[in-house]
Amino acid sequence: ERISVGRGQYVLDFANPAVVDGIFHAMKKIIAETKLDYIKWDM
């Protein structure tokens, strides 16, 4: 039951390939739609 929450957010389980793939497809859509030049990748 106990869990620490930082900055009001959870960490996604990037040990799971399905998570990585799901995030990639969401980002890919934005990158393609905007013809993006630059990403600021935060964590």
PDB file of all heavy atoms in Angstrom:
ATOM      1  N   GLU A   1       0.821  -1.220   0.000  1.00  0.00           N
ATOM      2  CA  GLU A   1       0.000   0.000   0.000  1.00  0.00           C
ATOM      3  C   GLU A   1       0.850   1.263   0.000  1.00  0.00           C
ATOM      4  O   GLU A   1       0.547   2.231  -0.685  1.00  0.00           O
ATOM      5  CB  GLU A   1      -0.931  -0.008   1.219  1.00  0.00           C
ATOM      6  CG  GLU A   1      -1.877   1.187   1.264  1.00  0.00           C
ATOM      7  CD  GLU A   1      -2.840   1.108   2.433  1.00  0.00           C
ATOM      8  OE1 GLU A   1      -2.974   0.012   3.018  1.00  0.00           O
ATOM      9  OE2 GLU A   1      -3.435   2.145   2.761  1.00  0.00           O
ATOM     10  N   ARG A   2       1.922   1.272   0.783  1.00  0.00           N
ATOM     11  CA  ARG A   2       2.734   2.483   0.892  1.00  0.00           C
ATOM     12  C   ARG A   2       3.489   2.744  -0.410  1.00  0.00           C
ATOM     13  O   ARG A   2       4.071   1.840  -1.000  1.00  0.00           O
ATOM     14  CB  ARG A   2       3.749   2.335   2.018  1.00  0.00           C
ATOM     15  CG  ARG A   2       4.459   3.633   2.370  1.00  0.00           C
ATOM     16  CD  ARG A   2       5.774   3.371   3.080  1.00  0.00           C
ATOM     17  NE  ARG A   2       6.772   2.826   2.173  1.00  0.00           N
ATOM     18  CZ  ARG A   2       7.940   2.301   2.579  1.00  0.00           C
ATOM     19  NH1 ARG A   2       8.212   2.220   3.856  1.00  0.00           N
ATOM     20  NH2 ARG A   2       8.802   1.831   1.707  1.00  0.00           N
ATOM     21  N   ILE A   3       3.489   4.000  -0.854  1.00  0.00           N
ATOM     22  CA  ILE A   3       4.229   4.361  -2.056  1.00  0.00           C
ATOM     23  C   ILE A   3       4.682   5.808  -1.937  1.00  0.00           C
ATOM     24  O   ILE A   3       3.970   6.653  -1.393  1.00  0.00           O
ATOM     25  CB  ILE A   3       3.368   4.155  -3.331  1.00  0.00           C
ATOM     26  CG1 ILE A   3       4.195   4.464  -4.589  1.00  0.00           C
ATOM     27  CG2 ILE A   3       2.104   5.005  -3.294  1.00  0.00           C
ATOM     28  CD1 ILE A   3       3.495   4.081  -5.873  1.00  0.00           C
ATOM     29  N   SER A   4       5.878   6.081  -2.426  1.00  0.00           N
ATOM     30  CA  SER A   4       6.377   7.457  -2.472  1.00  0.00           C
ATOM     31  C   SER A   4       5.974   8.069  -3.808  1.00  0.00           C
ATOM     32  O   SER A   4       6.085   7.427  -4.852  1.00  0.00           O
ATOM     33  CB  SER A   4       7.901   7.480  -2.347  1.00  0.00           C
ATOM     34  OG  SER A   4       8.317   6.847  -1.161  1.00  0.00           O
ATOM     35  N   VAL A   5       5.489   9.306  -3.748  1.00  0.00           N
ATOM     36  CA  VAL A   5       5.122  10.026  -4.965  1.00  0.00           C
ATOM     37  C   VAL A   5       5.966  11.283  -5.028  1.00  0.00           C
ATOM     38  O   VAL A   5       5.977  12.080  -4.089  1.00  0.00           O
ATOM     39  CB  VAL A   5       3.623  10.382  -4.996  1.00  0.00           C
ATOM     40  CG1 VAL A   5       3.289  11.144  -6.266  1.00  0.00           C
ATOM     41  CG2 VAL A   5       2.778   9.133  -4.886  1.00  0.00           C
ATOM     42  N   GLY A   6       6.691  11.459  -6.097  1.00  0.00           N
ATOM     43  CA  GLY A   6       7.520  12.636  -6.278  1.00  0.00           C
ATOM     44  C   GLY A   6       6.945  13.534  -7.346  1.00  0.00           C
ATOM     45  O   GLY A   6       6.580  13.083  -8.430  1.00  0.00           O
ATOM     46  N   ARG A   7       6.820  14.811  -7.024  1.00  0.00           N
ATOM     47  CA  ARG A   7       6.349  15.819  -7.986  1.00  0.00           C
ATOM     48  C   ARG A   7       4.977  15.474  -8.566  1.00  0.00           C
ATOM     49  O   ARG A   7       4.656  15.808  -9.694  1.00  0.00           O
ATOM     50  CB  ARG A   7       7.380  15.983  -9.110  1.00  0.00           C
ATOM     51  CG  ARG A   7       7.388  17.376  -9.761  1.00  0.00           C
ATOM     52  CD  ARG A   7       8.622  17.515 -10.645  1.00  0.00           C
ATOM     53  NE  ARG A   7       8.638  18.804 -11.329  1.00  0.00           N
ATOM     54  CZ  ARG A   7       8.222  18.987 -12.575  1.00  0.00           C
ATOM     55  NH1 ARG A   7       7.726  17.973 -13.259  1.00  0.00           N
ATOM     56  NH2 ARG A   7       8.297  20.172 -13.144  1.00  0.00           N
ATOM     57  N   GLY A   8       4.183  14.710  -7.803  1.00  0.00           N
ATOM     58  CA  GLY A   8       2.839  14.359  -8.253  1.00  0.00           C
ATOM     59  C   GLY A   8       2.823  13.436  -9.449  1.00  0.00           C
ATOM     60  O   GLY A   8       1.860  13.427 -10.225  1.00  0.00           O
ATOM     61  N   GLN A   9       3.861  12.615  -9.629  1.00  0.00           N
ATOM     62  CA  GLN A   9       3.920  11.748 -10.809  1.00  0.00           C
ATOM     63  C   GLN A   9       4.556  10.413 -10.465  1.00  0.00           C
ATOM     64  O   GLN A   9       5.288  10.278  -9.483  1.00  0.00           O
ATOM     65  CB  GLN A   9       4.695  12.442 -11.937  1.00  0.00           C
ATOM     66  CG  GLN A   9       6.143  12.781 -11.609  1.00  0.00           C
ATOM     67  CD  GLN A   9       6.728  13.832 -12.536  1.00  0.00           C
ATOM     68  OE1 GLN A   9       6.196  14.923 -12.687  1.00  0.00           O
ATOM     69  NE2 GLN A   9       7.842  13.506 -13.167  1.00  0.00           N
ATOM     70  N   TYR A  10       4.260   9.429 -11.280  1.00  0.00           N
ATOM     71  CA  TYR A  10       4.842   8.104 -11.174  1.00  0.00           C
ATOM     72  C   TYR A  10       5.882   7.909 -12.284  1.00  0.00           C
ATOM     73  O   TYR A  10       5.873   8.609 -13.301  1.00  0.00           O
ATOM     74  CB  TYR A  10       3.772   7.020 -11.311  1.00  0.00           C
ATOM     75  CG  TYR A  10       2.707   7.021 -10.242  1.00  0.00           C
ATOM     76  CD1 TYR A  10       1.365   6.827 -10.569  1.00  0.00           C
ATOM     77  CD2 TYR A  10       3.032   7.191  -8.902  1.00  0.00           C
ATOM     78  CE1 TYR A  10       0.372   6.812  -9.595  1.00  0.00           C
ATOM     79  CE2 TYR A  10       2.051   7.172  -7.913  1.00  0.00           C
ATOM     80  CZ  TYR A  10       0.721   6.989  -8.265  1.00  0.00           C
ATOM     81  OH  TYR A  10      -0.246   6.969  -7.301  1.00  0.00           O
ATOM     82  N   VAL A  11       6.738   6.926 -12.082  1.00  0.00           N
ATOM     83  CA  VAL A  11       7.713   6.540 -13.104  1.00  0.00           C
ATOM     84  C   VAL A  11       7.130   5.387 -13.915  1.00  0.00           C
ATOM     85  O   VAL A  11       6.614   4.418 -13.350  1.00  0.00           O
ATOM     86  CB  VAL A  11       9.051   6.108 -12.463  1.00  0.00           C
ATOM     87  CG1 VAL A  11      10.061   5.727 -13.533  1.00  0.00           C
ATOM     88  CG2 VAL A  11       9.594   7.229 -11.575  1.00  0.00           C
ATOM     89  N   LEU A  12       7.215   5.495 -15.228  1.00  0.00           N
ATOM     90  CA  LEU A  12       6.768   4.403 -16.086  1.00  0.00           C
ATOM     91  C   LEU A  12       7.786   3.264 -16.058  1.00  0.00           C
ATOM     92  O   LEU A  12       8.996   3.500 -15.935  1.00  0.00           O
ATOM     93  CB  LEU A  12       6.569   4.891 -17.521  1.00  0.00           C
ATOM     94  CG  LEU A  12       5.323   5.746 -17.768  1.00  0.00           C
ATOM     95  CD1 LEU A  12       5.385   6.383 -19.162  1.00  0.00           C
ATOM     96  CD2 LEU A  12       4.054   4.918 -17.621  1.00  0.00           C
ATOM     97  N   ASP A  13       7.298   2.055 -16.210  1.00  0.00           N
ATOM     98  CA  ASP A  13       8.140   0.862 -16.130  1.00  0.00           C
ATOM     99  C   ASP A  13       8.829   0.621 -17.476  1.00  0.00           C
ATOM    100  O   ASP A  13       8.367  -0.143 -18.308  1.00  0.00           O
ATOM    101  CB  ASP A  13       7.269  -0.342 -15.748  1.00  0.00           C
ATOM    102  CG  ASP A  13       8.088  -1.610 -15.601  1.00  0.00           C
ATOM    103  OD1 ASP A  13       9.337  -1.528 -15.691  1.00  0.00           O
ATOM    104  OD2 ASP A  13       7.480  -2.683 -15.399  1.00  0.00           O
ATOM    105  N   PHE A  14       9.961   1.274 -17.657  1.00  0.00           N
ATOM    106  CA  PHE A  14      10.686   1.125 -18.920  1.00  0.00           C
ATOM    107  C   PHE A  14      11.430  -0.209 -19.003  1.00  0.00           C
ATOM    108  O   PHE A  14      12.078  -0.485 -20.024  1.00  0.00           O
ATOM    109  CB  PHE A  14      11.637   2.300 -19.127  1.00  0.00           C
ATOM    110  CG  PHE A  14      11.034   3.423 -19.931  1.00  0.00           C
ATOM    111  CD1 PHE A  14       9.747   3.867 -19.673  1.00  0.00           C
ATOM    112  CD2 PHE A  14      11.743   4.039 -20.953  1.00  0.00           C
ATOM    113  CE1 PHE A  14       9.175   4.892 -20.416  1.00  0.00           C
ATOM    114  CE2 PHE A  14      11.189   5.059 -21.705  1.00  0.00           C
ATOM    115  CZ  PHE A  14       9.902   5.493 -21.436  1.00  0.00           C
ATOM    116  N   ALA A  15      11.350  -1.028 -17.967  1.00  0.00           N
ATOM    117  CA  ALA A  15      11.832  -2.406 -18.098  1.00  0.00           C
ATOM    118  C   ALA A  15      10.866  -3.241 -18.925  1.00  0.00           C
ATOM    119  O   ALA A  15      11.210  -4.346 -19.359  1.00  0.00           O
ATOM    120  CB  ALA A  15      12.018  -3.032 -16.719  1.00  0.00           C
ATOM    121  N   ASN A  16       9.672  -2.726 -19.153  1.00  0.00           N
ATOM    122  CA  ASN A  16       8.630  -3.403 -19.927  1.00  0.00           C
ATOM    123  C   ASN A  16       8.678  -2.917 -21.370  1.00  0.00           C
ATOM    124  O   ASN A  16       8.382  -1.747 -21.645  1.00  0.00           O
ATOM    125  CB  ASN A  16       7.269  -3.093 -19.301  1.00  0.00           C
ATOM    126  CG  ASN A  16       6.124  -3.806 -19.999  1.00  0.00           C
ATOM    127  OD1 ASN A  16       6.273  -4.355 -21.086  1.00  0.00           O
ATOM    128  ND2 ASN A  16       4.955  -3.779 -19.380  1.00  0.00           N
ATOM    129  N   PRO A  17       9.024  -3.750 -22.335  1.00  0.00           N
ATOM    130  CA  PRO A  17       9.120  -3.305 -23.728  1.00  0.00           C
ATOM    131  C   PRO A  17       7.817  -2.722 -24.264  1.00  0.00           C
ATOM    132  O   PRO A  17       7.847  -1.833 -25.132  1.00  0.00           O
ATOM    133  CB  PRO A  17       9.506  -4.585 -24.480  1.00  0.00           C
ATOM    134  CG  PRO A  17      10.146  -5.460 -23.454  1.00  0.00           C
ATOM    135  CD  PRO A  17       9.442  -5.159 -22.174  1.00  0.00           C
ATOM    136  N   ALA A  18       6.672  -3.181 -23.768  1.00  0.00           N
ATOM    137  CA  ALA A  18       5.392  -2.650 -24.242  1.00  0.00           C
ATOM    138  C   ALA A  18       5.233  -1.180 -23.853  1.00  0.00           C
ATOM    139  O   ALA A  18       4.625  -0.397 -24.609  1.00  0.00           O
ATOM    140  CB  ALA A  18       4.237  -3.480 -23.677  1.00  0.00           C
ATOM    141  N   VAL A  19       5.741  -0.795 -22.700  1.00  0.00           N
ATOM    142  CA  VAL A  19       5.677   0.599 -22.267  1.00  0.00           C
ATOM    143  C   VAL A  19       6.523   1.472 -23.198  1.00  0.00           C
ATOM    144  O   VAL A  19       6.086   2.522 -23.673  1.00  0.00           O
ATOM    145  CB  VAL A  19       6.149   0.739 -20.808  1.00  0.00           C
ATOM    146  CG1 VAL A  19       6.189   2.206 -20.391  1.00  0.00           C
ATOM    147  CG2 VAL A  19       5.238  -0.055 -19.879  1.00  0.00           C
ATOM    148  N   VAL A  20       7.736   1.033 -23.447  1.00  0.00           N
ATOM    149  CA  VAL A  20       8.628   1.778 -24.337  1.00  0.00           C
ATOM    150  C   VAL A  20       7.990   1.937 -25.711  1.00  0.00           C
ATOM    151  O   VAL A  20       7.988   3.033 -26.300  1.00  0.00           O
ATOM    152  CB  VAL A  20       9.991   1.062 -24.453  1.00  0.00           C
ATOM    153  CG1 VAL A  20      10.879   1.749 -25.481  1.00  0.00           C
ATOM    154  CG2 VAL A  20      10.681   1.013 -23.092  1.00  0.00           C
ATOM    155  N   ASP A  21       7.422   0.879 -26.217  1.00  0.00           N
ATOM    156  CA  ASP A  21       6.808   0.915 -27.539  1.00  0.00           C
ATOM    157  C   ASP A  21       5.594   1.851 -27.561  1.00  0.00           C
ATOM    158  O   ASP A  21       5.395   2.614 -28.515  1.00  0.00           O
ATOM    159  CB  ASP A  21       6.395  -0.496 -27.959  1.00  0.00           C
ATOM    160  CG  ASP A  21       6.221  -0.625 -29.460  1.00  0.00           C
ATOM    161  OD1 ASP A  21       7.127  -0.186 -30.199  1.00  0.00           O
ATOM    162  OD2 ASP A  21       5.187  -1.152 -29.898  1.00  0.00           O
ATOM    163  N   GLY A  22       4.779   1.810 -26.497  1.00  0.00           N
ATOM    164  CA  GLY A  22       3.608   2.676 -26.434  1.00  0.00           C
ATOM    165  C   GLY A  22       3.983   4.142 -26.416  1.00  0.00           C
ATOM    166  O   GLY A  22       3.365   4.968 -27.111  1.00  0.00           O
ATOM    167  N   ILE A  23       4.999   4.512 -25.621  1.00  0.00           N
ATOM    168  CA  ILE A  23       5.443   5.903 -25.564  1.00  0.00           C
ATOM    169  C   ILE A  23       6.062   6.324 -26.890  1.00  0.00           C
ATOM    170  O   ILE A  23       5.842   7.451 -27.375  1.00  0.00           O
ATOM    171  CB  ILE A  23       6.441   6.100 -24.401  1.00  0.00           C
ATOM    172  CG1 ILE A  23       5.744   5.837 -23.064  1.00  0.00           C
ATOM    173  CG2 ILE A  23       7.033   7.494 -24.434  1.00  0.00           C
ATOM    174  CD1 ILE A  23       4.574   6.749 -22.774  1.00  0.00           C
ATOM    175  N   PHE A  24       6.816   5.431 -27.508  1.00  0.00           N
ATOM    176  CA  PHE A  24       7.412   5.762 -28.799  1.00  0.00           C
ATOM    177  C   PHE A  24       6.346   6.121 -29.830  1.00  0.00           C
ATOM    178  O   PHE A  24       6.468   7.127 -30.544  1.00  0.00           O
ATOM    179  CB  PHE A  24       8.260   4.594 -29.312  1.00  0.00           C
ATOM    180  CG  PHE A  24       8.609   4.725 -30.777  1.00  0.00           C
ATOM    181  CD1 PHE A  24       9.437   5.735 -31.223  1.00  0.00           C
ATOM    182  CD2 PHE A  24       8.091   3.840 -31.714  1.00  0.00           C
ATOM    183  CE1 PHE A  24       9.743   5.877 -32.573  1.00  0.00           C
ATOM    184  CE2 PHE A  24       8.389   3.961 -33.052  1.00  0.00           C
ATOM    185  CZ  PHE A  24       9.224   4.984 -33.479  1.00  0.00           C
ATOM    186  N   HIS A  25       5.289   5.331 -29.931  1.00  0.00           N
ATOM    187  CA  HIS A  25       4.264   5.606 -30.939  1.00  0.00           C
ATOM    188  C   HIS A  25       3.542   6.919 -30.659  1.00  0.00           C
ATOM    189  O   HIS A  25       3.185   7.647 -31.602  1.00  0.00           O
ATOM    190  CB  HIS A  25       3.292   4.433 -31.025  1.00  0.00           C
ATOM    191  CG  HIS A  25       3.862   3.250 -31.734  1.00  0.00           C
ATOM    192  ND1 HIS A  25       4.142   3.255 -33.087  1.00  0.00           N
ATOM    193  CD2 HIS A  25       4.241   2.024 -31.282  1.00  0.00           C
ATOM    194  CE1 HIS A  25       4.645   2.089 -33.448  1.00  0.00           C
ATOM    195  NE2 HIS A  25       4.717   1.319 -32.367  1.00  0.00           N
ATOM    196  N   ALA A  26       3.340   7.263 -29.379  1.00  0.00           N
ATOM    197  CA  ALA A  26       2.726   8.548 -29.050  1.00  0.00           C
ATOM    198  C   ALA A  26       3.642   9.708 -29.448  1.00  0.00           C
ATOM    199  O   ALA A  26       3.185  10.715 -30.011  1.00  0.00           O
ATOM    200  CB  ALA A  26       2.404   8.602 -27.565  1.00  0.00           C
ATOM    201  N   MET A  27       4.942   9.577 -29.166  1.00  0.00           N
ATOM    202  CA  MET A  27       5.892  10.628 -29.530  1.00  0.00           C
ATOM    203  C   MET A  27       6.079  10.714 -31.042  1.00  0.00           C
ATOM    204  O   MET A  27       6.174  11.814 -31.604  1.00  0.00           O
ATOM    205  CB  MET A  27       7.241  10.372 -28.841  1.00  0.00           C
ATOM    206  CG  MET A  27       7.204  10.499 -27.336  1.00  0.00           C
ATOM    207  SD  MET A  27       8.816  10.158 -26.559  1.00  0.00           S
ATOM    208  CE  MET A  27       9.779  11.564 -27.109  1.00  0.00           C
ATOM    209  N   LYS A  28       6.133   9.570 -31.691  1.00  0.00           N
ATOM    210  CA  LYS A  28       6.337   9.546 -33.137  1.00  0.00           C
ATOM    211  C   LYS A  28       5.249  10.333 -33.858  1.00  0.00           C
ATOM    212  O   LYS A  28       5.525  11.064 -34.827  1.00  0.00           O
ATOM    213  CB  LYS A  28       6.364   8.095 -33.625  1.00  0.00           C
ATOM    214  CG  LYS A  28       6.501   7.938 -35.129  1.00  0.00           C
ATOM    215  CD  LYS A  28       6.471   6.479 -35.533  1.00  0.00           C
ATOM    216  CE  LYS A  28       6.485   6.320 -37.054  1.00  0.00           C
ATOM    217  NZ  LYS A  28       6.439   4.890 -37.453  1.00  0.00           N
ATOM    218  N   LYS A  29       4.019  10.206 -33.398  1.00  0.00           N
ATOM    219  CA  LYS A  29       2.914  10.913 -34.035  1.00  0.00           C
ATOM    220  C   LYS A  29       3.123  12.423 -33.963  1.00  0.00           C
ATOM    221  O   LYS A  29       2.914  13.145 -34.955  1.00  0.00           O
ATOM    222  CB  LYS A  29       1.598  10.516 -33.368  1.00  0.00           C
ATOM    223  CG  LYS A  29       0.370  11.115 -34.031  1.00  0.00           C
ATOM    224  CD  LYS A  29      -0.917  10.620 -33.386  1.00  0.00           C
ATOM    225  CE  LYS A  29      -2.132  11.242 -34.068  1.00  0.00           C
ATOM    226  NZ  LYS A  29      -3.402  10.790 -33.440  1.00  0.00           N
ATOM    227  N   ILE A  30       3.539  12.923 -32.803  1.00  0.00           N
ATOM    228  CA  ILE A  30       3.783  14.357 -32.640  1.00  0.00           C
ATOM    229  C   ILE A  30       4.985  14.796 -33.476  1.00  0.00           C
ATOM    230  O   ILE A  30       4.947  15.850 -34.138  1.00  0.00           O
ATOM    231  CB  ILE A  30       3.997  14.696 -31.153  1.00  0.00           C
ATOM    232  CG1 ILE A  30       2.721  14.422 -30.346  1.00  0.00           C
ATOM    233  CG2 ILE A  30       4.437  16.140 -30.983  1.00  0.00           C
ATOM    234  CD1 ILE A  30       1.559  15.318 -30.685  1.00  0.00           C
ATOM    235  N   ILE A  31       6.055  14.021 -33.453  1.00  0.00           N
ATOM    236  CA  ILE A  31       7.264  14.373 -34.205  1.00  0.00           C
ATOM    237  C   ILE A  31       6.950  14.486 -35.695  1.00  0.00           C
ATOM    238  O   ILE A  31       7.359  15.440 -36.370  1.00  0.00           O
ATOM    239  CB  ILE A  31       8.380  13.333 -33.964  1.00  0.00           C
ATOM    240  CG1 ILE A  31       8.814  13.341 -32.493  1.00  0.00           C
ATOM    241  CG2 ILE A  31       9.582  13.609 -34.864  1.00  0.00           C
ATOM    242  CD1 ILE A  31       9.687  12.154 -32.107  1.00  0.00           C
ATOM    243  N   ALA A  32       6.205  13.514 -36.204  1.00  0.00           N
ATOM    244  CA  ALA A  32       5.869  13.522 -37.631  1.00  0.00           C
ATOM    245  C   ALA A  32       4.908  14.656 -37.974  1.00  0.00           C
ATOM    246  O   ALA A  32       5.075  15.348 -38.992  1.00  0.00           O
ATOM    247  CB  ALA A  32       5.269  12.171 -38.025  1.00  0.00           C
ATOM    248  N   GLU A  33       3.907  14.860 -37.127  1.00  0.00           N
ATOM    249  CA  GLU A  33       2.893  15.888 -37.410  1.00  0.00           C
ATOM    250  C   GLU A  33       3.498  17.285 -37.418  1.00  0.00           C
ATOM    251  O   GLU A  33       3.082  18.147 -38.199  1.00  0.00           O
ATOM    252  CB  GLU A  33       1.781  15.812 -36.361  1.00  0.00           C
ATOM    253  CG  GLU A  33       0.633  16.771 -36.604  1.00  0.00           C
ATOM    254  CD  GLU A  33      -0.454  16.671 -35.550  1.00  0.00           C
ATOM    255  OE1 GLU A  33      -0.351  15.794 -34.662  1.00  0.00           O
ATOM    256  OE2 GLU A  33      -1.399  17.478 -35.614  1.00  0.00           O
ATOM    257  N   THR A  34       4.476  17.527 -36.567  1.00  0.00           N
ATOM    258  CA  THR A  34       5.065  18.863 -36.449  1.00  0.00           C
ATOM    259  C   THR A  34       6.344  19.033 -37.276  1.00  0.00           C
ATOM    260  O   THR A  34       6.905  20.127 -37.301  1.00  0.00           O
ATOM    261  CB  THR A  34       5.412  19.157 -34.981  1.00  0.00           C
ATOM    262  OG1 THR A  34       6.323  18.159 -34.497  1.00  0.00           O
ATOM    263  CG2 THR A  34       4.168  19.169 -34.111  1.00  0.00           C
ATOM    264  N   LYS A  35       6.786  17.947 -37.932  1.00  0.00           N
ATOM    265  CA  LYS A  35       8.088  17.980 -38.630  1.00  0.00           C
ATOM    266  C   LYS A  35       9.146  18.542 -37.670  1.00  0.00           C
ATOM    267  O   LYS A  35       9.897  19.473 -37.979  1.00  0.00           O
ATOM    268  CB  LYS A  35       8.021  18.807 -39.909  1.00  0.00           C
ATOM    269  CG  LYS A  35       7.063  18.242 -40.954  1.00  0.00           C
ATOM    270  CD  LYS A  35       7.049  19.088 -42.204  1.00  0.00           C
ATOM    271  CE  LYS A  35       6.222  18.455 -43.319  1.00  0.00           C
ATOM    272  NZ  LYS A  35       4.803  18.256 -42.960  1.00  0.00           N
ATOM    273  N   LEU A  36       9.218  17.915 -36.514  1.00  0.00           N
ATOM    274  CA  LEU A  36       9.970  18.433 -35.376  1.00  0.00           C
ATOM    275  C   LEU A  36      11.474  18.455 -35.647  1.00  0.00           C
ATOM    276  O   LEU A  36      12.028  17.539 -36.262  1.00  0.00           O
ATOM    277  CB  LEU A  36       9.666  17.577 -34.144  1.00  0.00           C
ATOM    278  CG  LEU A  36       9.961  18.196 -32.782  1.00  0.00           C
ATOM    279  CD1 LEU A  36       9.157  19.472 -32.569  1.00  0.00           C
ATOM    280  CD2 LEU A  36       9.653  17.198 -31.671  1.00  0.00           C
ATOM    281  N   ASP A  37      12.118  19.504 -35.156  1.00  0.00           N
ATOM    282  CA  ASP A  37      13.565  19.663 -35.317  1.00  0.00           C
ATOM    283  C   ASP A  37      14.339  19.320 -34.052  1.00  0.00           C
ATOM    284  O   ASP A  37      15.536  19.006 -34.125  1.00  0.00           O
ATOM    285  CB  ASP A  37      13.892  21.115 -35.696  1.00  0.00           C
ATOM    286  CG  ASP A  37      13.151  21.579 -36.935  1.00  0.00           C
ATOM    287  OD1 ASP A  37      13.517  21.144 -38.034  1.00  0.00           O
ATOM    288  OD2 ASP A  37      12.177  22.355 -36.783  1.00  0.00           O
ATOM    289  N   TYR A  38      13.659  19.387 -32.888  1.00  0.00           N
ATOM    290  CA  TYR A  38      14.392  19.425 -31.616  1.00  0.00           C
ATOM    291  C   TYR A  38      13.481  18.882 -30.525  1.00  0.00           C
ATOM    292  O   TYR A  38      12.286  19.205 -30.491  1.00  0.00           O
ATOM    293  CB  TYR A  38      14.729  20.897 -31.362  1.00  0.00           C
ATOM    294  CG  TYR A  38      15.569  21.297 -30.192  1.00  0.00           C
ATOM    295  CD1 TYR A  38      16.847  21.798 -30.394  1.00  0.00           C
ATOM    296  CD2 TYR A  38      15.087  21.276 -28.887  1.00  0.00           C
ATOM    297  CE1 TYR A  38      17.628  22.253 -29.329  1.00  0.00           C
ATOM    298  CE2 TYR A  38      15.855  21.720 -27.826  1.00  0.00           C
ATOM    299  CZ  TYR A  38      17.124  22.212 -28.052  1.00  0.00           C
ATOM    300  OH  TYR A  38      17.891  22.657 -27.007  1.00  0.00           O
ATOM    301  N   ILE A  39      14.015  18.045 -29.666  1.00  0.00           N
ATOM    302  CA  ILE A  39      13.278  17.573 -28.486  1.00  0.00           C
ATOM    303  C   ILE A  39      14.060  17.952 -27.241  1.00  0.00           C
ATOM    304  O   ILE A  39      15.286  17.764 -27.181  1.00  0.00           O
ATOM    305  CB  ILE A  39      13.077  16.039 -28.519  1.00  0.00           C
ATOM    306  CG1 ILE A  39      11.974  15.649 -29.505  1.00  0.00           C
ATOM    307  CG2 ILE A  39      12.716  15.505 -27.132  1.00  0.00           C
ATOM    308  CD1 ILE A  39      11.763  14.153 -29.624  1.00  0.00           C
ATOM    309  N   LYS A  40      13.359  18.490 -26.264  1.00  0.00           N
ATOM    310  CA  LYS A  40      13.932  18.597 -24.920  1.00  0.00           C
ATOM    311  C   LYS A  40      13.349  17.457 -24.106  1.00  0.00           C
ATOM    312  O   LYS A  40      12.158  17.435 -23.817  1.00  0.00           O
ATOM    313  CB  LYS A  40      13.605  19.944 -24.268  1.00  0.00           C
ATOM    314  CG  LYS A  40      14.240  20.070 -22.878  1.00  0.00           C
ATOM    315  CD  LYS A  40      14.017  21.431 -22.254  1.00  0.00           C
ATOM    316  CE  LYS A  40      14.647  21.476 -20.859  1.00  0.00           C
ATOM    317  NZ  LYS A  40      14.452  22.790 -20.205  1.00  0.00           N
ATOM    318  N   TRP A  41      14.195  16.487 -23.762  1.00  0.00           N
ATOM    319  CA  TRP A  41      13.792  15.250 -23.079  1.00  0.00           C
ATOM    320  C   TRP A  41      14.064  15.401 -21.593  1.00  0.00           C
ATOM    321  O   TRP A  41      15.206  15.419 -21.163  1.00  0.00           O
ATOM    322  CB  TRP A  41      14.589  14.084 -23.659  1.00  0.00           C
ATOM    323  CG  TRP A  41      14.344  12.732 -23.094  1.00  0.00           C
ATOM    324  CD1 TRP A  41      14.166  12.367 -21.796  1.00  0.00           C
ATOM    325  CD2 TRP A  41      14.281  11.515 -23.844  1.00  0.00           C
ATOM    326  NE1 TRP A  41      14.003  11.014 -21.685  1.00  0.00           N
ATOM    327  CE2 TRP A  41      14.069  10.456 -22.935  1.00  0.00           C
ATOM    328  CE3 TRP A  41      14.397  11.204 -25.200  1.00  0.00           C
ATOM    329  CZ2 TRP A  41      13.978   9.131 -23.328  1.00  0.00           C
ATOM    330  CZ3 TRP A  41      14.301   9.878 -25.604  1.00  0.00           C
ATOM    331  CH2 TRP A  41      14.086   8.854 -24.674  1.00  0.00           C
ATOM    332  N   ASP A  42      13.006  15.507 -20.803  1.00  0.00           N
ATOM    333  CA  ASP A  42      13.162  15.759 -19.372  1.00  0.00           C
ATOM    334  C   ASP A  42      12.867  14.491 -18.566  1.00  0.00           C
ATOM    335  O   ASP A  42      12.230  13.555 -19.053  1.00  0.00           O
ATOM    336  CB  ASP A  42      12.231  16.889 -18.936  1.00  0.00           C
ATOM    337  CG  ASP A  42      12.782  17.678 -17.750  1.00  0.00           C
ATOM    338  OD1 ASP A  42      13.731  17.202 -17.100  1.00  0.00           O
ATOM    339  OD2 ASP A  42      12.254  18.777 -17.482  1.00  0.00           O
ATOM    340  N   MET A  43      13.336  14.474 -17.321  1.00  0.00           N
ATOM    341  CA  MET A  43      13.072  13.367 -16.388  1.00  0.00           C
ATOM    342  C   MET A  43      13.195  13.951 -14.979  1.00  0.00           C
ATOM    343  O   MET A  43      14.283  14.187 -14.499  1.00  0.00           O
ATOM    344  CB  MET A  43      14.077  12.231 -16.609  1.00  0.00           C
ATOM    345  CG  MET A  43      13.731  10.932 -15.897  1.00  0.00           C
ATOM    346  SD  MET A  43      14.275  10.856 -14.182  1.00  0.00           S
ATOM    347  CE  MET A  43      16.035  10.607 -14.356  1.00  0.00           C
TER     348      MET A  43
END
